[in-house]
C-alpha atoms as a PDB file:
ATOM      1  CA  MET A   1      25.913 -39.905  -2.184  1.00  0.00           C
ATOM      2  CA  ARG A   2      27.487 -36.689  -0.831  1.00  0.00           C
ATOM      3  CA  VAL A   3      24.209 -34.855  -1.250  1.00  0.00           C
ATOM      4  CA  ALA A   4      22.231 -37.651   0.364  1.00  0.00           C
ATOM      5  CA  LYS A   5      24.530 -37.645   3.367  1.00  0.00           C
ATOM      6  CA  ARG A   6      24.154 -33.854   3.682  1.00  0.00           C
ATOM      7  CA  LEU A   7      20.394 -33.973   3.442  1.00  0.00           C
ATOM      8  CA  PHE A   8      20.180 -36.525   6.228  1.00  0.00           C
ATOM      9  CA  SER A   9      22.768 -34.878   8.433  1.00  0.00           C
ATOM     10  CA  ALA A  10      22.090 -33.880  12.059  1.00  0.00           C
ATOM     11  CA  ASP A  11      21.691 -30.303  10.937  1.00  0.00           C
ATOM     12  CA  THR A  12      18.922 -31.218   8.434  1.00  0.00           C
ATOM     13  CA  MET A  13      16.962 -33.288  10.936  1.00  0.00           C
ATOM     14  CA  ARG A  14      17.467 -30.525  13.535  1.00  0.00           C
ATOM     15  CA  GLY A  15      15.701 -28.210  11.127  1.00  0.00           C
ATOM     16  CA  VAL A  16      12.935 -30.261   9.722  1.00  0.00           C
ATOM     17  CA  SER A  17      11.374 -33.551  10.861  1.00  0.00           C
ATOM     18  CA  ALA A  18      11.315 -36.704   8.820  1.00  0.00           C
ATOM     19  CA  GLU A  19       7.551 -36.443   8.710  1.00  0.00           C
ATOM     20  CA  GLU A  20       7.723 -32.927   7.212  1.00  0.00           C
ATOM     21  CA  LEU A  21      10.246 -34.004   4.649  1.00  0.00           C
ATOM     22  CA  ALA A  22       7.995 -36.923   3.645  1.00  0.00           C
ATOM     23  CA  LYS A  23       5.087 -34.536   3.085  1.00  0.00           C
ATOM     24  CA  PHE A  24       7.108 -32.323   0.785  1.00  0.00           C
ATOM     25  CA  ARG A  25       8.621 -35.205  -1.172  1.00  0.00           C
ATOM     26  CA  LEU A  26       5.096 -36.117  -2.270  1.00  0.00           C
ATOM     27  CA  LEU A  27       4.683 -32.629  -3.723  1.00  0.00           C
ATOM     28  CA  GLN A  28       7.578 -32.812  -6.183  1.00  0.00           C
ATOM     29  CA  LYS A  29       5.311 -32.847  -9.271  1.00  0.00           C
ATOM     30  CA  ARG A  30       2.769 -30.442  -7.815  1.00  0.00           C
ATOM     31  CA  TRP A  31       4.749 -27.332  -6.975  1.00  0.00           C
ATOM     32  CA  TRP A  32       3.803 -25.455 -10.117  1.00  0.00           C
ATOM     33  CA  ASP A  33       0.188 -26.637 -10.308  1.00  0.00           C
ATOM     34  CA  PRO A  34      -1.807 -23.542  -9.420  1.00  0.00           C
ATOM     35  CA  SER A  35      -4.908 -25.634  -8.771  1.00  0.00           C
ATOM     36  CA  GLY A  36      -3.107 -28.240  -6.788  1.00  0.00           C
ATOM     37  CA  PRO A  37      -2.352 -28.712  -3.049  1.00  0.00           C
ATOM     38  CA  LEU A  38      -0.071 -25.678  -3.033  1.00  0.00           C
ATOM     39  CA  ARG A  39      -2.466 -23.212  -4.687  1.00  0.00           C
ATOM     40  CA  SER A  40      -2.615 -21.141  -1.541  1.00  0.00           C
ATOM     41  CA  LEU A  41       1.070 -20.283  -2.047  1.00  0.00           C
ATOM     42  CA  HIS A  42       0.427 -19.236  -5.623  1.00  0.00           C
ATOM     43  CA  LEU A  43      -2.432 -17.053  -4.514  1.00  0.00           C
ATOM     44  CA  PHE A  44      -0.294 -15.559  -1.747  1.00  0.00           C
ATOM     45  CA  ASN A  45       2.819 -15.007  -3.873  1.00  0.00           C
ATOM     46  CA  LEU A  46       2.132 -11.481  -5.142  1.00  0.00           C
ATOM     47  CA  THR A  47       1.397 -10.339  -1.644  1.00  0.00           C
ATOM     48  CA  ARG A  48       4.782 -11.745  -0.485  1.00  0.00           C
ATOM     49  CA  VAL A  49       6.742 -10.192  -3.310  1.00  0.00           C
ATOM     50  CA  GLY A  50       4.999  -6.858  -2.875  1.00  0.00           C
ATOM     51  CA  TYR A  51       5.778  -6.775   0.859  1.00  0.00           C
ATOM     52  CA  ILE A  52       9.391  -7.836   0.436  1.00  0.00           C
ATOM     53  CA  THR A  53      10.160  -5.335  -2.292  1.00  0.00           C
ATOM     54  CA  GLU A  54       8.549  -2.538  -0.325  1.00  0.00           C
ATOM     55  CA  LYS A  55      10.663  -3.303   2.715  1.00  0.00           C
ATOM     56  CA  VAL A  56      13.820  -3.350   0.653  1.00  0.00           C
ATOM     57  CA  HIS A  57      12.884  -0.043  -0.894  1.00  0.00           C
ATOM     58  CA  GLN A  58      12.318   1.499   2.448  1.00  0.00           C
ATOM     59  CA  PHE A  59      15.795   0.475   3.782  1.00  0.00           C
ATOM     60  CA  ASP A  60      17.435   1.557   0.506  1.00  0.00           C
ATOM     61  CA  ARG A  61      15.913   4.998   0.968  1.00  0.00           C
ATOM     62  CA  TYR A  62      17.296   5.161   4.527  1.00  0.00           C
ATOM     63  CA  ARG A  63      20.702   4.088   3.395  1.00  0.00           C
ATOM     64  CA  SER A  64      20.836   6.792   0.708  1.00  0.00           C
ATOM     65  CA  ASN A  65      19.792   9.411   3.212  1.00  0.00           C
ATOM     66  CA  PRO A  66      22.802  11.373   4.631  1.00  0.00           C
ATOM     67  CA  ILE A  67      21.112  11.542   8.035  1.00  0.00           C
ATOM     68  CA  TYR A  68      20.262   7.874   7.965  1.00  0.00           C
ATOM     69  CA  ARG A  69      19.721   6.305  11.370  1.00  0.00           C
ATOM     70  CA  PRO A  70      19.354   2.482  11.628  1.00  0.00           C
ATOM     71  CA  PRO A  71      15.634   1.798  12.145  1.00  0.00           C
ATOM     72  CA  GLY A  72      16.479  -0.798  14.749  1.00  0.00           C
ATOM     73  CA  THR A  73      17.647   2.046  17.034  1.00  0.00           C
ATOM     74  CA  ASN A  74      14.436   3.997  16.731  1.00  0.00           C
ATOM     75  CA  PRO A  75      11.578   2.064  15.169  1.00  0.00           C
ATOM     76  CA  SER A  76       9.306   5.048  15.131  1.00  0.00           C
ATOM     77  CA  SER A  77      11.612   6.912  12.686  1.00  0.00           C
ATOM     78  CA  TYR A  78      11.434   3.946  10.384  1.00  0.00           C
ATOM     79  CA  ASP A  79       7.615   3.740  10.452  1.00  0.00           C
ATOM     80  CA  ALA A  80       6.855   7.404  10.081  1.00  0.00           C
ATOM     81  CA  GLY A  81       5.410   8.059   6.666  1.00  0.00           C
ATOM     82  CA  HIS A  82       6.876   4.890   5.178  1.00  0.00           C
ATOM     83  CA  ARG A  83       4.735   2.019   6.487  1.00  0.00           C
ATOM     84  CA  MET A  84       3.026   0.003   3.779  1.00  0.00           C
ATOM     85  CA  ASN A  85      -0.645   0.868   3.208  1.00  0.00           C
ATOM     86  CA  SER A  86      -2.410  -1.173   5.915  1.00  0.00           C
ATOM     87  CA  THR A  87      -5.577  -1.486   3.922  1.00  0.00           C
ATOM     88  CA  GLY A  88      -4.122  -3.214   0.915  1.00  0.00           C
ATOM     89  CA  THR A  89      -1.567  -5.704  -0.191  1.00  0.00           C
ATOM     90  CA  ASN A  90       0.771  -3.966  -2.607  1.00  0.00           C
ATOM     91  CA  PRO A  91       1.486  -0.251  -3.071  1.00  0.00           C
ATOM     92  CA  SER A  92      -0.161   1.054  -6.230  1.00  0.00           C
ATOM     93  CA  HIS A  93       3.123   1.547  -8.013  1.00  0.00           C
ATOM     94  CA  LEU A  94       4.290  -2.011  -7.501  1.00  0.00           C
ATOM     95  CA  HIS A  95       3.643  -4.793  -9.988  1.00  0.00           C
ATOM     96  CA  PRO A  96       6.132  -7.355  -8.681  1.00  0.00           C
ATOM     97  CA  HIS A  97       5.369 -10.330 -10.855  1.00  0.00           C
ATOM     98  CA  CYS A  98       4.321  -9.391 -14.343  1.00  0.00           C
ATOM     99  CA  THR A  99       5.136 -12.753 -15.790  1.00  0.00           C
ATOM    100  CA  ASP A 100       3.537 -16.025 -16.578  1.00  0.00           C
ATOM    101  CA  THR A 101       2.081 -16.222 -13.115  1.00  0.00           C
ATOM    102  CA  GLY A 102       0.010 -13.106 -13.518  1.00  0.00           C
ATOM    103  CA  CYS A 103       0.277  -9.340 -12.965  1.00  0.00           C
ATOM    104  CA  GLY A 104      -1.625  -6.792 -11.011  1.00  0.00           C
ATOM    105  CA  ASN A 105      -3.529  -7.434  -7.810  1.00  0.00           C
ATOM    106  CA  ASP A 106      -2.844 -10.448  -5.616  1.00  0.00           C
ATOM    107  CA  THR A 107      -6.351 -11.720  -6.350  1.00  0.00           C
ATOM    108  CA  HIS A 108      -5.345 -13.411  -9.522  1.00  0.00           C
ATOM    109  CA  THR A 109      -5.525 -17.197  -9.983  1.00  0.00           C
ATOM    110  CA  HIS A 110      -2.113 -17.742 -11.577  1.00  0.00           C
ATOM    111  CA  ASN A 111      -1.574 -20.189 -14.357  1.00  0.00           C
ATOM    112  CA  SER A 112       2.014 -21.031 -13.626  1.00  0.00           C
ATOM    113  CA  ASN A 113       2.325 -23.723 -16.266  1.00  0.00           C
ATOM    114  CA  THR A 114       2.136 -21.299 -19.141  1.00  0.00           C
ATOM    115  CA  HIS A 115       5.496 -21.300 -20.915  1.00  0.00           C
ATOM    116  CA  HIS A 116       6.209 -17.842 -22.066  1.00  0.00           C
ATOM    117  CA  ASP A 117       8.318 -14.894 -20.945  1.00  0.00           C
ATOM    118  CA  THR A 118       8.057 -11.543 -22.656  1.00  0.00           C
ATOM    119  CA  GLY A 119      10.957  -9.987 -20.881  1.00  0.00           C
ATOM    120  CA  ALA A 120       8.517  -7.393 -19.508  1.00  0.00           C
ATOM    121  CA  THR A 121       9.177  -8.051 -15.826  1.00  0.00           C
ATOM    122  CA  VAL A 122       9.279  -4.843 -13.781  1.00  0.00           C
ATOM    123  CA  ARG A 123      12.635  -4.459 -12.016  1.00  0.00           C
ATOM    124  CA  LEU A 124      11.775  -3.705  -8.416  1.00  0.00           C
ATOM    125  CA  LEU A 125      14.982  -5.089  -6.967  1.00  0.00           C
ATOM    126  CA  ARG A 126      18.581  -4.896  -8.068  1.00  0.00           C
ATOM    127  CA  ALA A 127      21.129  -7.622  -8.787  1.00  0.00           C
ATOM    128  CA  GLU A 128      23.230  -6.273  -5.900  1.00  0.00           C
ATOM    129  CA  HIS A 129      20.448  -7.374  -3.545  1.00  0.00           C
ATOM    130  CA  ARG A 130      21.630 -10.837  -2.360  1.00  0.00           C
ATOM    131  CA  VAL A 131      18.492 -12.638  -1.356  1.00  0.00           C
ATOM    132  CA  LEU A 132      18.348 -16.014   0.438  1.00  0.00           C
ATOM    133  CA  ASP A 133      15.020 -17.869   0.266  1.00  0.00           C
ATOM    134  CA  VAL A 134      15.112 -20.427   3.078  1.00  0.00           C
ATOM    135  CA  GLY A 135      12.772 -23.446   2.576  1.00  0.00           C
ATOM    136  CA  CYS A 136      12.183 -22.428  -1.037  1.00  0.00           C
ATOM    137  CA  GLY A 137      10.364 -25.635  -2.014  1.00  0.00           C
ATOM    138  CA  GLY A 138       9.800 -25.715  -5.722  1.00  0.00           C
ATOM    139  CA  GLY A 139      10.806 -22.022  -6.088  1.00  0.00           C
ATOM    140  CA  ILE A 140       7.508 -20.221  -6.246  1.00  0.00           C
ATOM    141  CA  LEU A 141       8.835 -17.202  -4.242  1.00  0.00           C
ATOM    142  CA  SER A 142      12.511 -17.505  -5.426  1.00  0.00           C
ATOM    143  CA  GLU A 143      11.617 -17.254  -9.029  1.00  0.00           C
ATOM    144  CA  ALA A 144       9.347 -14.235  -8.467  1.00  0.00           C
ATOM    145  CA  LEU A 145      12.109 -12.358  -6.554  1.00  0.00           C
ATOM    146  CA  ALA A 146      14.682 -13.171  -9.286  1.00  0.00           C
ATOM    147  CA  ARG A 147      12.187 -11.906 -11.904  1.00  0.00           C
ATOM    148  CA  ALA A 148      11.835  -8.727  -9.789  1.00  0.00           C
ATOM    149  CA  GLY A 149      15.562  -8.135 -10.219  1.00  0.00           C
ATOM    150  CA  ALA A 150      17.368  -9.690  -7.236  1.00  0.00           C
ATOM    151  CA  THR A 151      20.139 -12.279  -7.137  1.00  0.00           C
ATOM    152  CA  VAL A 152      18.443 -15.177  -5.369  1.00  0.00           C
ATOM    153  CA  LEU A 153      19.674 -18.390  -3.792  1.00  0.00           C
ATOM    154  CA  GLY A 154      16.894 -20.855  -2.798  1.00  0.00           C
ATOM    155  CA  ILE A 155      17.741 -23.625  -0.369  1.00  0.00           C
ATOM    156  CA  ASP A 156      15.629 -26.503   0.938  1.00  0.00           C
ATOM    157  CA  ALA A 157      16.307 -29.592   2.967  1.00  0.00           C
ATOM    158  CA  CYS A 158      14.040 -31.659   0.700  1.00  0.00           C
ATOM    159  CA  GLU A 159      15.997 -32.807  -2.414  1.00  0.00           C
ATOM    160  CA  GLU A 160      12.843 -33.608  -4.360  1.00  0.00           C
ATOM    161  CA  SER A 161      11.720 -29.957  -4.025  1.00  0.00           C
ATOM    162  CA  ILE A 162      15.008 -28.605  -5.245  1.00  0.00           C
ATOM    163  CA  THR A 163      14.801 -31.030  -8.149  1.00  0.00           C
ATOM    164  CA  ALA A 164      11.421 -29.564  -9.065  1.00  0.00           C
ATOM    165  CA  ALA A 165      12.816 -26.076  -8.790  1.00  0.00           C
ATOM    166  CA  ASN A 166      15.852 -26.822 -10.934  1.00  0.00           C
ATOM    167  CA  GLU A 167      13.780 -28.563 -13.586  1.00  0.00           C
ATOM    168  CA  ARG A 168      11.630 -25.454 -13.967  1.00  0.00           C
ATOM    169  CA  LEU A 169      14.744 -23.232 -14.049  1.00  0.00           C
ATOM    170  CA  THR A 170      16.249 -25.445 -16.732  1.00  0.00           C
ATOM    171  CA  MET A 171      13.065 -25.204 -18.755  1.00  0.00           C
ATOM    172  CA  TRP A 172      13.194 -21.441 -18.677  1.00  0.00           C
ATOM    173  CA  ARG A 173      16.892 -21.380 -19.627  1.00  0.00           C
ATOM    174  CA  GLU A 174      16.227 -23.600 -22.600  1.00  0.00           C
ATOM    175  CA  GLU A 175      13.406 -21.288 -23.758  1.00  0.00           C
ATOM    176  CA  GLY A 176      16.042 -18.891 -25.151  1.00  0.00           C
ATOM    177  CA  LEU A 177      14.804 -15.795 -23.346  1.00  0.00           C
ATOM    178  CA  PRO A 178      15.598 -12.293 -24.655  1.00  0.00           C
ATOM    179  CA  PRO A 179      18.678 -10.561 -23.155  1.00  0.00           C
ATOM    180  CA  GLU A 180      16.587  -8.170 -21.085  1.00  0.00           C
ATOM    181  CA  SER A 181      14.962 -11.126 -19.341  1.00  0.00           C
ATOM    182  CA  ASP A 182      18.114 -12.316 -17.594  1.00  0.00           C
ATOM    183  CA  TRP A 183      16.558 -13.449 -14.319  1.00  0.00           C
ATOM    184  CA  THR A 184      17.537 -17.089 -14.936  1.00  0.00           C
ATOM    185  CA  THR A 185      21.147 -16.108 -14.564  1.00  0.00           C
ATOM    186  CA  ARG A 186      20.527 -14.586 -11.125  1.00  0.00           C
ATOM    187  CA  LEU A 187      18.648 -17.595  -9.698  1.00  0.00           C
ATOM    188  CA  SER A 188      20.077 -20.722  -8.274  1.00  0.00           C
ATOM    189  CA  TYR A 189      18.950 -23.577  -5.957  1.00  0.00           C
ATOM    190  CA  GLU A 190      20.800 -25.844  -3.576  1.00  0.00           C
ATOM    191  CA  PRO A 191      19.589 -28.812  -1.500  1.00  0.00           C
ATOM    192  CA  ARG A 192      21.204 -27.921   1.772  1.00  0.00           C
ATOM    193  CA  SER A 193      20.671 -27.056   5.470  1.00  0.00           C
ATOM    194  CA  LEU A 194      20.338 -23.586   6.693  1.00  0.00           C
ATOM    195  CA  PHE A 195      22.646 -24.405   9.603  1.00  0.00           C
ATOM    196  CA  GLU A 196      25.410 -25.534   7.267  1.00  0.00           C
ATOM    197  CA  LEU A 197      25.013 -22.346   5.171  1.00  0.00           C
ATOM    198  CA  ALA A 198      25.167 -20.119   8.225  1.00  0.00           C
ATOM    199  CA  ARG A 199      28.489 -21.691   9.197  1.00  0.00           C
ATOM    200  CA  GLU A 200      29.903 -21.289   5.664  1.00  0.00           C
ATOM    201  CA  ARG A 201      28.552 -17.862   4.832  1.00  0.00           C
ATOM    202  CA  PRO A 202      27.756 -15.908   8.045  1.00  0.00           C
ATOM    203  CA  GLY A 203      26.379 -12.511   7.189  1.00  0.00           C
ATOM    204  CA  GLY A 204      26.303 -13.530   3.507  1.00  0.00           C
ATOM    205  CA  PHE A 205      22.944 -12.183   2.419  1.00  0.00           C
ATOM    206  CA  ASP A 206      21.366  -8.708   2.329  1.00  0.00           C
ATOM    207  CA  VAL A 207      17.779 -10.072   2.485  1.00  0.00           C
ATOM    208  CA  VAL A 208      16.939 -13.381   4.166  1.00  0.00           C
ATOM    209  CA  VAL A 209      13.409 -14.642   3.705  1.00  0.00           C
ATOM    210  CA  ALA A 210      11.729 -17.558   5.500  1.00  0.00           C
ATOM    211  CA  SER A 211       8.129 -17.603   4.356  1.00  0.00           C
ATOM    212  CA  GLU A 212       5.786 -20.200   5.786  1.00  0.00           C
ATOM    213  CA  VAL A 213       8.750 -22.195   7.018  1.00  0.00           C
ATOM    214  CA  VAL A 214       9.552 -21.696  10.689  1.00  0.00           C
ATOM    215  CA  GLU A 215       6.294 -23.420  11.669  1.00  0.00           C
ATOM    216  CA  HIS A 216       7.514 -26.626  10.091  1.00  0.00           C
ATOM    217  CA  VAL A 217      10.874 -27.009  11.824  1.00  0.00           C
ATOM    218  CA  ASN A 218      11.776 -28.959  14.943  1.00  0.00           C
ATOM    219  CA  ASP A 219      14.297 -26.576  16.539  1.00  0.00           C
ATOM    220  CA  ALA A 220      12.667 -23.176  16.031  1.00  0.00           C
ATOM    221  CA  ARG A 221      15.185 -21.407  18.283  1.00  0.00           C
ATOM    222  CA  GLY A 222      18.162 -22.856  16.504  1.00  0.00           C
ATOM    223  CA  PHE A 223      16.495 -22.195  13.108  1.00  0.00           C
ATOM    224  CA  VAL A 224      15.787 -18.541  13.852  1.00  0.00           C
ATOM    225  CA  ARG A 225      19.285 -18.009  15.259  1.00  0.00           C
ATOM    226  CA  ALA A 226      20.752 -19.402  12.016  1.00  0.00           C
ATOM    227  CA  LEU A 227      18.497 -16.975   9.991  1.00  0.00           C
ATOM    228  CA  CYS A 228      19.968 -14.101  12.051  1.00  0.00           C
ATOM    229  CA  GLU A 229      23.510 -15.365  11.563  1.00  0.00           C
ATOM    230  CA  VAL A 230      23.265 -15.579   7.751  1.00  0.00           C
ATOM    231  CA  THR A 231      21.750 -12.058   7.561  1.00  0.00           C
ATOM    232  CA  ALA A 232      24.318  -9.435   6.655  1.00  0.00           C
ATOM    233  CA  PRO A 233      24.867  -6.445   9.104  1.00  0.00           C
ATOM    234  CA  GLY A 234      22.516  -3.770   7.808  1.00  0.00           C
ATOM    235  CA  GLY A 235      20.383  -6.429   6.137  1.00  0.00           C
ATOM    236  CA  LEU A 236      16.784  -7.549   6.535  1.00  0.00           C
ATOM    237  CA  LEU A 237      15.256 -10.731   7.883  1.00  0.00           C
ATOM    238  CA  ILE A 238      11.729 -11.249   6.686  1.00  0.00           C
ATOM    239  CA  MET A 239       9.420 -14.036   7.877  1.00  0.00           C
ATOM    240  CA  THR A 240       5.821 -15.015   7.507  1.00  0.00           C
ATOM    241  CA  THR A 241       4.408 -17.399  10.024  1.00  0.00           C
ATOM    242  CA  MET A 242       1.519 -18.038  12.415  1.00  0.00           C
ATOM    243  CA  ASP A 243       0.787 -16.752  15.857  1.00  0.00           C
ATOM    244  CA  LYS A 244       0.125 -19.470  18.435  1.00  0.00           C
ATOM    245  CA  SER A 245      -3.406 -18.686  19.471  1.00  0.00           C
ATOM    246  CA  LEU A 246      -6.948 -20.144  19.478  1.00  0.00           C
ATOM    247  CA  ARG A 247      -7.656 -17.916  16.499  1.00  0.00           C
ATOM    248  CA  THR A 248      -5.086 -19.594  14.312  1.00  0.00           C
ATOM    249  CA  ALA A 249      -6.065 -23.048  15.423  1.00  0.00           C
ATOM    250  CA  ILE A 250      -9.577 -22.297  14.144  1.00  0.00           C
ATOM    251  CA  SER A 251      -8.748 -20.155  11.089  1.00  0.00           C
ATOM    252  CA  HIS A 252      -5.521 -21.751   9.736  1.00  0.00           C
ATOM    253  CA  VAL A 253      -6.050 -25.402  10.749  1.00  0.00           C
ATOM    254  CA  LEU A 254      -9.720 -26.172  11.176  1.00  0.00           C
ATOM    255  CA  ILE A 255     -11.109 -23.838   8.532  1.00  0.00           C
ATOM    256  CA  ALA A 256      -8.236 -23.629   5.978  1.00  0.00           C
ATOM    257  CA  GLU A 257      -7.349 -27.344   6.085  1.00  0.00           C
ATOM    258  CA  TYR A 258     -10.495 -29.186   7.045  1.00  0.00           C
ATOM    259  CA  LEU A 259     -13.510 -27.038   5.990  1.00  0.00           C
ATOM    260  CA  THR A 260     -12.398 -25.174   2.892  1.00  0.00           C
ATOM    261  CA  GLY A 261      -9.480 -27.318   1.716  1.00  0.00           C
ATOM    262  CA  ILE A 262      -7.502 -24.194   0.629  1.00  0.00           C
ATOM    263  CA  VAL A 263      -4.562 -25.763   2.413  1.00  0.00           C
ATOM    264  CA  GLU A 264      -3.750 -29.484   2.259  1.00  0.00           C
ATOM    265  CA  ARG A 265      -4.806 -31.392   5.387  1.00  0.00           C
ATOM    266  CA  GLY A 266      -1.949 -32.008   7.832  1.00  0.00           C
ATOM    267  CA  THR A 267       0.170 -29.068   6.531  1.00  0.00           C
ATOM    268  CA  HIS A 268       0.328 -27.298   9.868  1.00  0.00           C
ATOM    269  CA  ASP A 269       1.042 -28.325  13.413  1.00  0.00           C
ATOM    270  CA  TRP A 270      -0.460 -25.702  15.790  1.00  0.00           C
ATOM    271  CA  ARG A 271       2.049 -26.540  18.408  1.00  0.00           C
ATOM    272  CA  LYS A 272       4.862 -25.171  16.249  1.00  0.00           C
ATOM    273  CA  PHE A 273       3.235 -21.733  15.728  1.00  0.00           C
ATOM    274  CA  ILE A 274       5.198 -18.767  17.188  1.00  0.00           C
ATOM    275  CA  PRO A 275       3.794 -15.570  18.843  1.00  0.00           C
ATOM    276  CA  PRO A 276       5.415 -12.461  17.205  1.00  0.00           C
ATOM    277  CA  ALA A 277       6.449 -11.174  20.638  1.00  0.00           C
ATOM    278  CA  ASP A 278       8.522 -14.265  21.254  1.00  0.00           C
ATOM    279  CA  LEU A 279      10.075 -13.966  17.816  1.00  0.00           C
ATOM    280  CA  THR A 280      10.994 -10.322  18.463  1.00  0.00           C
ATOM    281  CA  ALA A 281      12.506 -11.025  21.814  1.00  0.00           C
ATOM    282  CA  TYR A 282      14.595 -13.944  20.585  1.00  0.00           C
ATOM    283  CA  THR A 283      16.016 -12.288  17.463  1.00  0.00           C
ATOM    284  CA  ALA A 284      17.079  -9.234  19.447  1.00  0.00           C
ATOM    285  CA  ARG A 285      19.595 -11.436  21.191  1.00  0.00           C
ATOM    286  CA  PHE A 286      21.382 -11.771  17.907  1.00  0.00           C
ATOM    287  CA  GLY A 287      21.295  -8.158  16.865  1.00  0.00           C
ATOM    288  CA  VAL A 288      18.141  -8.391  14.687  1.00  0.00           C
ATOM    289  CA  HIS A 289      15.491  -5.968  15.771  1.00  0.00           C
ATOM    290  CA  ASN A 290      11.903  -5.957  14.716  1.00  0.00           C
ATOM    291  CA  VAL A 291      10.961  -2.942  12.571  1.00  0.00           C
ATOM    292  CA  ASP A 292       7.695  -4.003  11.006  1.00  0.00           C
ATOM    293  CA  LEU A 293       4.794  -6.322  11.913  1.00  0.00           C
ATOM    294  CA  GLN A 294       1.733  -6.652   9.754  1.00  0.00           C
ATOM    295  CA  TYR A 295      -1.059  -9.148   9.834  1.00  0.00           C
ATOM    296  CA  ILE A 296      -2.390 -10.993   6.835  1.00  0.00           C
ATOM    297  CA  LEU A 297      -6.144 -10.948   6.445  1.00  0.00           C
ATOM    298  CA  THR A 298      -7.410 -13.783   4.264  1.00  0.00           C
ATOM    299  CA  TYR A 299     -10.948 -13.667   3.012  1.00  0.00           C
ATOM    300  CA  PRO A 300     -13.062 -15.415   0.382  1.00  0.00           C
ATOM    301  CA  ASP A 301     -12.988 -14.047  -3.188  1.00  0.00           C
ATOM    302  CA  LEU A 302     -16.598 -14.703  -4.261  1.00  0.00           C
ATOM    303  CA  PHE A 303     -16.680 -14.158  -7.952  1.00  0.00           C
ATOM    304  CA  PRO A 304     -13.454 -15.918  -8.861  1.00  0.00           C
ATOM    305  CA  SER A 305     -14.613 -18.832  -6.721  1.00  0.00           C
ATOM    306  CA  ILE A 306     -17.900 -19.021  -8.683  1.00  0.00           C
ATOM    307  CA  ALA A 307     -16.139 -18.645 -12.047  1.00  0.00           C
ATOM    308  CA  SER A 308     -13.472 -21.282 -11.328  1.00  0.00           C
ATOM    309  CA  ARG A 309     -15.770 -23.532  -9.257  1.00  0.00           C
ATOM    310  CA  MET A 310     -12.879 -23.659  -6.742  1.00  0.00           C
ATOM    311  CA  PHE A 311     -12.706 -21.873  -3.472  1.00  0.00           C
ATOM    312  CA  GLN A 312     -10.459 -18.757  -3.928  1.00  0.00           C
ATOM    313  CA  VAL A 313      -9.141 -16.271  -1.413  1.00  0.00           C
ATOM    314  CA  ASN A 314      -7.784 -12.720  -1.379  1.00  0.00           C
ATOM    315  CA  PHE A 315      -5.319 -11.090   0.986  1.00  0.00           C
ATOM    316  CA  LYS A 316      -4.931  -7.728   2.702  1.00  0.00           C
ATOM    317  CA  LEU A 317      -2.348  -6.441   5.152  1.00  0.00           C
ATOM    318  CA  THR A 318      -3.400  -4.746   8.319  1.00  0.00           C
ATOM    319  CA  THR A 319      -1.811  -3.359  11.524  1.00  0.00           C
ATOM    320  CA  SER A 320      -5.094  -2.861  13.300  1.00  0.00           C
ATOM    321  CA  PHE A 321      -6.310  -6.434  13.593  1.00  0.00           C
ATOM    322  CA  ASN A 322      -4.529  -9.521  14.779  1.00  0.00           C
ATOM    323  CA  THR A 323      -5.430 -12.304  12.280  1.00  0.00           C
ATOM    324  CA  GLY A 324      -2.797 -14.675  13.661  1.00  0.00           C
ATOM    325  CA  HIS A 325      -0.993 -14.831  10.293  1.00  0.00           C
ATOM    326  CA  TYR A 326       1.767 -12.220  10.023  1.00  0.00           C
ATOM    327  CA  PHE A 327       4.704 -10.683   8.189  1.00  0.00           C
ATOM    328  CA  TRP A 328       7.612  -9.899  10.466  1.00  0.00           C
ATOM    329  CA  THR A 329      10.645  -7.862   9.396  1.00  0.00           C
ATOM    330  CA  GLY A 330      13.890  -7.521  11.402  1.00  0.00           C
ATOM    331  CA  PHE A 331      16.833  -5.195  10.772  1.00  0.00           C
ATOM    332  CA  LYS A 332      20.344  -6.439  11.669  1.00  0.00           C
ATOM    333  CA  ARG A 333      22.383  -3.637  13.189  1.00  0.00           C
ATOM    334  CA  GLU A 334      25.766  -2.874  11.705  1.00  0.00           C
ATOM    335  CA  SER A 335      27.392  -3.823  14.991  1.00  0.00           C
ATOM    336  CA  SER A 336      25.609  -6.419  17.096  1.00  0.00           C
ATOM    337  CA  VAL A 337      26.611  -8.351  20.125  1.00  0.00           C
ATOM    338  CA  GLU A 338      25.214 -11.889  20.584  1.00  0.00           C
ATOM    339  CA  LYS A 339      23.879 -12.782  23.971  1.00  0.00           C
ATOM    340  CA  GLN A 340      23.887 -16.441  24.721  1.00  0.00           C
END
């Protein structure tokens, strides 16, 4: 009863509409079906993990540098020589998800229902990295980040999604994994509101991720502010979302949902898309300053599509072409003053 009250609190409804919650309740049994309605997230996952780990590594390098200067005070110093390769998805030395969901390039079609874990996951993050995955759903990204080495908390307003995530986590724990494969001890899920968590644990996370989430909430301003508040000073806020443009209306609604079916129909509401410039201007009010913006180029992957008889896509990151779908990273300064 307590959980039910929390899930239907004013905070929850402020964050996500009843219609959106209803959509995700129907997906409870489909989160880990790589050929199901969420297959685009499975295909996109290695790109997300590669980007997140690269940004964390970049900031760790700055923190270990005795002449470290917060990138938010001088974005050019952050970008020089350290920006991710704009012609590819993951740096060549990164293999962020060498597990049951595949390893290597982000072009793989992942079979996420395979029940095995060899303990061979490459540690790209550390347990000291406190990661919050907001709107985690069934845990596709949360699990990958925990496998990469981080301590991860996934939260979602949809109780059914958290149930699916916890069922999978329980399955892995019961597998009796080898000691070196300890990622299940660093991963947890909670059915709760971001607004509630921001009040309870302000500045509580080193890396806050909201991937494919902000375009589904009712109060985008309040949601983004809460993301900033829960990010620790000196921490990173990383988002993926859609630009509000004619290009995204065509590419990510008409084509993705209605012509190719790579995304379930009705997933996106173009009116909720956010231009990156607006996101940058608003987060700066709360001490979080944009330090990286890269666009996600999605294109057909011909041979896997023929082999699987299902439309497949590949991803590349670029800084030279606005595709409308983007990664946005903000750095929270050690001392920030909120402007109302």
